[in-house]
C-alpha atoms as a PDB file:
ATOM      1  CA  MET A   1     -53.547 -74.839 -50.774  1.00  0.00           C
ATOM      2  CA  ILE A   2     -51.001 -73.955 -53.447  1.00  0.00           C
ATOM      3  CA  SER A   3     -48.461 -76.700 -54.020  1.00  0.00           C
ATOM      4  CA  PHE A   4     -44.740 -76.247 -53.636  1.00  0.00           C
ATOM      5  CA  ASP A   5     -44.221 -76.987 -57.343  1.00  0.00           C
ATOM      6  CA  ILE A   6     -46.446 -74.082 -58.401  1.00  0.00           C
ATOM      7  CA  LEU A   7     -44.720 -71.684 -55.993  1.00  0.00           C
ATOM      8  CA  LEU A   8     -41.279 -72.801 -57.141  1.00  0.00           C
ATOM      9  CA  ASN A   9     -42.295 -72.430 -60.792  1.00  0.00           C
ATOM     10  CA  ALA A  10     -43.627 -68.905 -60.165  1.00  0.00           C
ATOM     11  CA  PHE A  11     -40.488 -67.908 -58.240  1.00  0.00           C
ATOM     12  CA  VAL A  12     -38.110 -69.216 -60.898  1.00  0.00           C
ATOM     13  CA  THR A  13     -40.110 -67.526 -63.665  1.00  0.00           C
ATOM     14  CA  LEU A  14     -40.030 -64.163 -61.881  1.00  0.00           C
ATOM     15  CA  PHE A  15     -36.366 -64.554 -60.950  1.00  0.00           C
ATOM     16  CA  VAL A  16     -35.394 -65.202 -64.561  1.00  0.00           C
ATOM     17  CA  THR A  17     -37.615 -62.363 -65.806  1.00  0.00           C
ATOM     18  CA  ILE A  18     -36.284 -59.790 -63.353  1.00  0.00           C
ATOM     19  CA  ASP A  19     -32.656 -61.031 -63.540  1.00  0.00           C
ATOM     20  CA  PRO A  20     -31.333 -59.388 -60.361  1.00  0.00           C
ATOM     21  CA  ILE A  21     -27.826 -60.796 -60.864  1.00  0.00           C
ATOM     22  CA  GLY A  22     -27.589 -59.363 -64.356  1.00  0.00           C
ATOM     23  CA  ASN A  23     -29.123 -56.009 -63.390  1.00  0.00           C
ATOM     24  CA  ALA A  24     -26.950 -55.402 -60.319  1.00  0.00           C
ATOM     25  CA  PRO A  25     -23.863 -54.239 -62.286  1.00  0.00           C
ATOM     26  CA  LEU A  26     -26.049 -52.018 -64.451  1.00  0.00           C
ATOM     27  CA  PHE A  27     -27.653 -50.428 -61.395  1.00  0.00           C
ATOM     28  CA  LEU A  28     -24.288 -49.926 -59.689  1.00  0.00           C
ATOM     29  CA  GLY A  29     -22.827 -48.392 -62.840  1.00  0.00           C
ATOM     30  CA  LEU A  30     -25.717 -45.981 -63.271  1.00  0.00           C
ATOM     31  CA  THR A  31     -25.691 -44.871 -59.651  1.00  0.00           C
ATOM     32  CA  VAL A  32     -21.928 -44.509 -59.190  1.00  0.00           C
ATOM     33  CA  GLY A  33     -21.093 -41.461 -57.101  1.00  0.00           C
ATOM     34  CA  LEU A  34     -24.457 -41.317 -55.329  1.00  0.00           C
ATOM     35  CA  GLU A  35     -24.685 -41.670 -51.577  1.00  0.00           C
ATOM     36  CA  ALA A  36     -26.053 -44.914 -50.162  1.00  0.00           C
ATOM     37  CA  ALA A  37     -29.374 -43.418 -49.034  1.00  0.00           C
ATOM     38  CA  ARG A  38     -30.133 -42.093 -52.517  1.00  0.00           C
ATOM     39  CA  ARG A  39     -29.193 -45.434 -54.093  1.00  0.00           C
ATOM     40  CA  ARG A  40     -31.534 -47.187 -51.680  1.00  0.00           C
ATOM     41  CA  ARG A  41     -34.409 -44.829 -52.557  1.00  0.00           C
ATOM     42  CA  ILE A  42     -33.841 -45.384 -56.274  1.00  0.00           C
ATOM     43  CA  ALA A  43     -33.730 -49.164 -55.805  1.00  0.00           C
ATOM     44  CA  ILE A  44     -36.930 -49.184 -53.749  1.00  0.00           C
ATOM     45  CA  ARG A  45     -38.738 -46.949 -56.234  1.00  0.00           C
ATOM     46  CA  GLY A  46     -37.669 -49.147 -59.146  1.00  0.00           C
ATOM     47  CA  THR A  47     -38.766 -52.264 -57.293  1.00  0.00           C
ATOM     48  CA  VAL A  48     -42.198 -50.806 -56.509  1.00  0.00           C
ATOM     49  CA  ILE A  49     -42.709 -49.719 -60.119  1.00  0.00           C
ATOM     50  CA  ALA A  50     -41.623 -53.125 -61.469  1.00  0.00           C
ATOM     51  CA  PHE A  51     -43.910 -54.887 -58.999  1.00  0.00           C
ATOM     52  CA  GLY A  52     -46.818 -52.686 -60.091  1.00  0.00           C
ATOM     53  CA  VAL A  53     -46.238 -53.364 -63.783  1.00  0.00           C
ATOM     54  CA  LEU A  54     -45.878 -57.128 -63.254  1.00  0.00           C
ATOM     55  CA  THR A  55     -48.981 -57.189 -61.053  1.00  0.00           C
ATOM     56  CA  LEU A  56     -50.989 -55.185 -63.583  1.00  0.00           C
ATOM     57  CA  PHE A  57     -50.089 -57.554 -66.402  1.00  0.00           C
ATOM     58  CA  ALA A  58     -50.615 -60.618 -64.213  1.00  0.00           C
ATOM     59  CA  LEU A  59     -54.152 -59.457 -63.408  1.00  0.00           C
ATOM     60  CA  THR A  60     -55.170 -58.064 -66.788  1.00  0.00           C
ATOM     61  CA  GLY A  61     -52.887 -59.754 -69.322  1.00  0.00           C
ATOM     62  CA  THR A  62     -55.076 -62.747 -70.039  1.00  0.00           C
ATOM     63  CA  ALA A  63     -58.178 -60.596 -70.463  1.00  0.00           C
ATOM     64  CA  ALA A  64     -56.331 -58.183 -72.749  1.00  0.00           C
ATOM     65  CA  LEU A  65     -55.022 -60.999 -74.918  1.00  0.00           C
ATOM     66  CA  ALA A  66     -58.462 -62.613 -75.031  1.00  0.00           C
ATOM     67  CA  GLN A  67     -59.896 -59.525 -76.738  1.00  0.00           C
ATOM     68  CA  ASP A  68     -58.257 -60.630 -79.988  1.00  0.00           C
ATOM     69  CA  THR A  69     -58.590 -57.165 -81.503  1.00  0.00           C
ATOM     70  CA  LEU A  70     -55.547 -57.389 -83.766  1.00  0.00           C
ATOM     71  CA  PRO A  71     -55.945 -59.070 -87.135  1.00  0.00           C
ATOM     72  CA  GLN A  72     -53.883 -62.223 -87.597  1.00  0.00           C
ATOM     73  CA  HIS A  73     -51.733 -60.722 -90.370  1.00  0.00           C
ATOM     74  CA  VAL A  74     -50.631 -57.880 -88.078  1.00  0.00           C
ATOM     75  CA  ILE A  75     -49.527 -60.324 -85.393  1.00  0.00           C
ATOM     76  CA  HIS A  76     -47.708 -62.439 -87.971  1.00  0.00           C
ATOM     77  CA  HIS A  77     -45.939 -59.385 -89.381  1.00  0.00           C
ATOM     78  CA  ALA A  78     -44.863 -58.232 -85.905  1.00  0.00           C
ATOM     79  CA  ALA A  79     -43.619 -61.684 -84.957  1.00  0.00           C
ATOM     80  CA  PHE A  80     -41.859 -62.676 -88.165  1.00  0.00           C
ATOM     81  CA  GLY A  81     -41.274 -59.420 -90.025  1.00  0.00           C
ATOM     82  CA  VAL A  82     -42.881 -60.662 -93.210  1.00  0.00           C
ATOM     83  CA  GLU A  83     -46.202 -60.000 -94.829  1.00  0.00           C
END
């Protein structure tokens, strides 16, 4: 069985990544003037898409990173902006 510590860690990580408190004003500002039903549909659609992207990367991210197809100098340049 999964321990409480692992579940709490996963929840906090997702909560910080998604940042619902910080995104709420942005969502409300972008959907000002829309009726409640349309806002709800947009919110649900965005949630489903975000869940799909997070799930995809959770399932395939480790395997994709394990491929190690990028040369080290490219990664260093992308991370630090120097050659």
